Amino acid sequence: MFKNLFTISSLIAAIAVSSSAFAAPKTVTLDVPGMNCITCPITVNKALKKVDGVQEAKTDFAKKEAVVTFDDSKTSVEKLTQATTDAGYASTLKVAK
């Protein structure tokens, strides 16, 4: 009986791990109005890429925004905006896809 219980718990754990591996990435656009110089997007981009779960970050100086693709099981929009704020550039959610 204990052997069967151990096998069932192992199976449940394996399913939980494998289902998170197939989590769909989420993409959001952040308004970053404080990007006022040509190097600002580099700083914002680096800050976003340091956040665990971020798969891609693209900043646009002209639009003053950042488009971020991330695993929402590992991070959140709040953590993304906190990362830009900590780097000196407050941001807010613009568009979620």
N, C-alpha and C. Protein backbone atom coordinates (compact mmCIF):
# COMPACT_ATOMS: atom_id res chain seq x y z
N MET A 1 0.82 -1.20 0.00
CA MET A 1 0.00 0.00 0.00
C MET A 1 0.86 1.27 0.00
N PHE A 2 1.90 1.32 0.83
CA PHE A 2 2.76 2.49 0.87
C PHE A 2 3.50 2.67 -0.44
N LYS A 3 3.84 1.55 -1.07
CA LYS A 3 4.52 1.64 -2.36
C LYS A 3 3.60 2.29 -3.38
N ASN A 4 2.32 1.92 -3.41
CA ASN A 4 1.35 2.52 -4.33
C ASN A 4 1.15 4.00 -4.03
N LEU A 5 1.12 4.36 -2.76
CA LEU A 5 0.95 5.76 -2.36
C LEU A 5 2.15 6.59 -2.83
N PHE A 6 3.35 6.03 -2.66
CA PHE A 6 4.55 6.72 -3.12
C PHE A 6 4.53 6.91 -4.64
N THR A 7 4.10 5.89 -5.36
CA THR A 7 4.03 5.95 -6.82
C THR A 7 3.02 7.01 -7.26
N ILE A 8 1.89 7.07 -6.61
CA ILE A 8 0.85 8.05 -6.96
C ILE A 8 1.36 9.47 -6.68
N SER A 9 2.02 9.67 -5.51
CA SER A 9 2.53 11.01 -5.23
C SER A 9 3.62 11.41 -6.19
N SER A 10 4.46 10.48 -6.61
CA SER A 10 5.50 10.78 -7.59
C SER A 10 4.89 11.17 -8.93
N LEU A 11 3.84 10.46 -9.29
CA LEU A 11 3.15 10.75 -10.56
C LEU A 11 2.51 12.13 -10.52
N ILE A 12 1.87 12.46 -9.43
CA ILE A 12 1.24 13.79 -9.29
C ILE A 12 2.30 14.88 -9.36
N ALA A 13 3.43 14.69 -8.70
CA ALA A 13 4.51 15.68 -8.73
C ALA A 13 5.05 15.84 -10.14
N ALA A 14 5.21 14.73 -10.86
CA ALA A 14 5.72 14.78 -12.23
C ALA A 14 4.76 15.52 -13.15
N ILE A 15 3.48 15.30 -12.97
CA ILE A 15 2.48 15.99 -13.79
C ILE A 15 2.51 17.49 -13.51
N ALA A 16 2.63 17.86 -12.26
CA ALA A 16 2.68 19.29 -11.89
C ALA A 16 3.89 19.96 -12.51
N VAL A 17 5.04 19.30 -12.48
CA VAL A 17 6.26 19.87 -13.05
C VAL A 17 6.14 19.96 -14.56
N SER A 18 5.66 18.91 -15.21
CA SER A 18 5.59 18.92 -16.67
C SER A 18 4.54 19.89 -17.18
N SER A 19 3.45 20.09 -16.47
CA SER A 19 2.44 21.03 -16.95
C SER A 19 2.94 22.46 -16.87
N SER A 20 3.80 22.78 -15.88
CA SER A 20 4.35 24.13 -15.82
C SER A 20 5.37 24.37 -16.93
N ALA A 21 5.96 23.29 -17.44
CA ALA A 21 6.92 23.43 -18.53
C ALA A 21 6.23 23.85 -19.82
N PHE A 22 4.93 23.64 -19.90
CA PHE A 22 4.18 23.99 -21.09
C PHE A 22 3.37 25.27 -20.93
N ALA A 23 3.67 26.04 -19.91
CA ALA A 23 2.95 27.30 -19.70
C ALA A 23 3.19 28.23 -20.89
N ALA A 24 2.12 28.82 -21.36
CA ALA A 24 2.22 29.73 -22.50
C ALA A 24 2.86 31.04 -22.04
N PRO A 25 3.77 31.56 -22.83
CA PRO A 25 4.38 32.84 -22.46
C PRO A 25 3.36 33.97 -22.56
N LYS A 26 3.55 34.97 -21.76
CA LYS A 26 2.67 36.14 -21.75
C LYS A 26 3.49 37.34 -22.23
N THR A 27 2.85 38.20 -23.01
CA THR A 27 3.52 39.40 -23.50
C THR A 27 2.76 40.63 -23.03
N VAL A 28 3.50 41.59 -22.49
CA VAL A 28 2.90 42.85 -22.05
C VAL A 28 3.72 44.01 -22.60
N THR A 29 3.07 45.14 -22.71
CA THR A 29 3.76 46.37 -23.09
C THR A 29 3.71 47.31 -21.89
N LEU A 30 4.87 47.81 -21.52
CA LEU A 30 4.97 48.75 -20.41
C LEU A 30 5.26 50.15 -20.93
N ASP A 31 4.55 51.12 -20.41
CA ASP A 31 4.88 52.53 -20.67
C ASP A 31 6.05 52.89 -19.75
N VAL A 32 7.10 53.45 -20.33
CA VAL A 32 8.26 53.87 -19.54
C VAL A 32 8.57 55.32 -19.93
N PRO A 33 7.78 56.27 -19.41
CA PRO A 33 7.89 57.66 -19.85
C PRO A 33 9.20 58.35 -19.47
N GLY A 34 9.94 57.79 -18.51
CA GLY A 34 11.18 58.43 -18.06
C GLY A 34 12.39 58.17 -18.94
N MET A 35 12.22 57.40 -20.02
CA MET A 35 13.36 57.15 -20.91
C MET A 35 13.59 58.40 -21.76
N ASN A 36 14.55 59.23 -21.33
CA ASN A 36 14.77 60.52 -21.97
C ASN A 36 16.08 60.63 -22.75
N CYS A 37 16.90 59.61 -22.67
CA CYS A 37 18.17 59.65 -23.41
C CYS A 37 18.37 58.34 -24.16
N ILE A 38 19.29 58.33 -25.06
CA ILE A 38 19.50 57.18 -25.93
C ILE A 38 19.98 55.94 -25.18
N THR A 39 20.60 56.11 -24.00
CA THR A 39 21.07 54.95 -23.24
C THR A 39 20.02 54.43 -22.25
N CYS A 40 18.97 55.18 -22.02
CA CYS A 40 17.93 54.75 -21.08
C CYS A 40 17.33 53.38 -21.45
N PRO A 41 17.00 53.14 -22.72
CA PRO A 41 16.43 51.84 -23.06
C PRO A 41 17.37 50.66 -22.76
N ILE A 42 18.66 50.90 -22.83
CA ILE A 42 19.63 49.84 -22.52
C ILE A 42 19.52 49.46 -21.05
N THR A 43 19.44 50.46 -20.19
CA THR A 43 19.31 50.23 -18.76
C THR A 43 18.01 49.51 -18.43
N VAL A 44 16.91 49.96 -19.03
CA VAL A 44 15.60 49.33 -18.79
C VAL A 44 15.62 47.88 -19.28
N ASN A 45 16.18 47.66 -20.45
CA ASN A 45 16.25 46.32 -21.03
C ASN A 45 17.04 45.38 -20.12
N LYS A 46 18.19 45.83 -19.63
CA LYS A 46 19.01 45.01 -18.74
C LYS A 46 18.26 44.68 -17.45
N ALA A 47 17.57 45.66 -16.90
CA ALA A 47 16.81 45.44 -15.66
C ALA A 47 15.72 44.40 -15.86
N LEU A 48 15.02 44.48 -16.98
CA LEU A 48 13.94 43.52 -17.25
C LEU A 48 14.48 42.12 -17.48
N LYS A 49 15.59 42.00 -18.19
CA LYS A 49 16.16 40.69 -18.49
C LYS A 49 16.71 39.98 -17.25
N LYS A 50 16.96 40.73 -16.18
CA LYS A 50 17.44 40.13 -14.93
C LYS A 50 16.30 39.47 -14.15
N VAL A 51 15.05 39.78 -14.48
CA VAL A 51 13.91 39.23 -13.77
C VAL A 51 13.73 37.77 -14.18
N ASP A 52 13.69 36.88 -13.20
CA ASP A 52 13.52 35.46 -13.47
C ASP A 52 12.21 35.22 -14.22
N GLY A 53 12.28 34.51 -15.32
CA GLY A 53 11.10 34.21 -16.12
C GLY A 53 10.97 35.06 -17.36
N VAL A 54 11.74 36.14 -17.46
CA VAL A 54 11.67 36.98 -18.66
C VAL A 54 12.39 36.26 -19.80
N GLN A 55 11.66 36.09 -20.89
CA GLN A 55 12.21 35.41 -22.06
C GLN A 55 12.76 36.40 -23.07
N GLU A 56 12.11 37.56 -23.16
CA GLU A 56 12.54 38.57 -24.12
C GLU A 56 12.07 39.94 -23.65
N ALA A 57 12.91 40.94 -23.86
CA ALA A 57 12.55 42.32 -23.55
C ALA A 57 13.07 43.20 -24.67
N LYS A 58 12.18 44.01 -25.22
CA LYS A 58 12.55 44.95 -26.28
C LYS A 58 12.07 46.34 -25.86
N THR A 59 12.99 47.29 -25.86
CA THR A 59 12.62 48.65 -25.50
C THR A 59 12.63 49.52 -26.75
N ASP A 60 11.74 50.50 -26.76
CA ASP A 60 11.62 51.42 -27.89
C ASP A 60 11.71 52.84 -27.35
N PHE A 61 12.83 53.50 -27.64
CA PHE A 61 13.07 54.85 -27.13
C PHE A 61 12.02 55.84 -27.66
N ALA A 62 11.69 55.77 -28.95
CA ALA A 62 10.75 56.72 -29.56
C ALA A 62 9.35 56.59 -28.94
N LYS A 63 8.93 55.37 -28.69
CA LYS A 63 7.59 55.14 -28.12
C LYS A 63 7.60 55.19 -26.59
N LYS A 64 8.81 55.19 -26.01
CA LYS A 64 8.97 55.17 -24.55
C LYS A 64 8.20 54.00 -23.93
N GLU A 65 8.50 52.81 -24.49
CA GLU A 65 7.83 51.61 -24.00
C GLU A 65 8.76 50.41 -24.06
N ALA A 66 8.37 49.37 -23.35
CA ALA A 66 9.09 48.10 -23.36
C ALA A 66 8.08 46.99 -23.58
N VAL A 67 8.39 46.09 -24.49
CA VAL A 67 7.55 44.92 -24.74
C VAL A 67 8.29 43.73 -24.13
N VAL A 68 7.61 43.05 -23.21
CA VAL A 68 8.26 41.98 -22.45
C VAL A 68 7.47 40.69 -22.59
N THR A 69 8.18 39.61 -22.92
CA THR A 69 7.58 38.28 -22.97
C THR A 69 8.18 37.50 -21.80
N PHE A 70 7.28 36.87 -21.02
CA PHE A 70 7.74 36.20 -19.81
C PHE A 70 6.85 35.02 -19.46
N ASP A 71 7.37 34.18 -18.59
CA ASP A 71 6.63 33.03 -18.07
C ASP A 71 5.89 33.52 -16.83
N ASP A 72 4.57 33.57 -16.91
CA ASP A 72 3.82 34.13 -15.78
C ASP A 72 3.72 33.18 -14.59
N SER A 73 4.28 31.98 -14.71
CA SER A 73 4.37 31.11 -13.53
C SER A 73 5.62 31.44 -12.72
N LYS A 74 6.53 32.24 -13.31
CA LYS A 74 7.76 32.61 -12.63
C LYS A 74 7.81 34.07 -12.21
N THR A 75 7.08 34.93 -12.90
CA THR A 75 7.12 36.36 -12.57
C THR A 75 5.76 36.99 -12.87
N SER A 76 5.67 38.28 -12.62
CA SER A 76 4.40 39.00 -12.80
C SER A 76 4.67 40.40 -13.33
N VAL A 77 3.61 41.05 -13.76
CA VAL A 77 3.73 42.43 -14.23
C VAL A 77 4.25 43.31 -13.10
N GLU A 78 3.81 43.04 -11.88
CA GLU A 78 4.27 43.83 -10.74
C GLU A 78 5.79 43.73 -10.57
N LYS A 79 6.34 42.53 -10.76
CA LYS A 79 7.80 42.37 -10.63
C LYS A 79 8.53 43.06 -11.78
N LEU A 80 7.91 43.08 -12.96
CA LEU A 80 8.53 43.76 -14.10
C LEU A 80 8.57 45.27 -13.86
N THR A 81 7.44 45.83 -13.42
CA THR A 81 7.41 47.27 -13.17
C THR A 81 8.32 47.64 -11.99
N GLN A 82 8.44 46.74 -11.03
CA GLN A 82 9.35 47.00 -9.90
C GLN A 82 10.80 47.00 -10.38
N ALA A 83 11.13 46.12 -11.31
CA ALA A 83 12.50 46.06 -11.85
C ALA A 83 12.86 47.37 -12.57
N THR A 84 11.95 47.90 -13.37
CA THR A 84 12.25 49.16 -14.07
C THR A 84 12.33 50.31 -13.07
N THR A 85 11.45 50.31 -12.09
CA THR A 85 11.46 51.36 -11.06
C THR A 85 12.77 51.32 -10.28
N ASP A 86 13.21 50.11 -9.92
CA ASP A 86 14.47 49.97 -9.19
C ASP A 86 15.66 50.46 -10.03
N ALA A 87 15.52 50.38 -11.35
CA ALA A 87 16.58 50.86 -12.24
C ALA A 87 16.48 52.37 -12.49
N GLY A 88 15.45 53.00 -11.92
CA GLY A 88 15.31 54.45 -12.06
C GLY A 88 14.28 54.89 -13.08
N TYR A 89 13.49 53.93 -13.60
CA TYR A 89 12.51 54.25 -14.64
C TYR A 89 11.16 53.64 -14.29
N ALA A 90 10.30 54.44 -13.69
CA ALA A 90 8.97 53.95 -13.33
C ALA A 90 8.23 53.54 -14.60
N SER A 91 7.45 52.46 -14.49
CA SER A 91 6.68 52.00 -15.65
C SER A 91 5.30 51.54 -15.21
N THR A 92 4.40 51.51 -16.18
CA THR A 92 3.04 51.03 -15.93
C THR A 92 2.62 50.13 -17.08
N LEU A 93 1.67 49.26 -16.81
CA LEU A 93 1.16 48.35 -17.83
C LEU A 93 0.39 49.14 -18.88
N LYS A 94 0.71 48.90 -20.12
CA LYS A 94 0.02 49.55 -21.24
C LYS A 94 -0.95 48.58 -21.91
N VAL A 95 -0.42 47.44 -22.36
CA VAL A 95 -1.23 46.47 -23.09
C VAL A 95 -0.83 45.07 -22.65
N ALA A 96 -1.81 44.21 -22.41
CA ALA A 96 -1.55 42.81 -22.13
C ALA A 96 -2.10 41.98 -23.27
N LYS A 97 -1.32 41.02 -23.76
CA LYS A 97 -1.76 40.14 -24.84
C LYS A 97 -1.95 38.74 -24.35
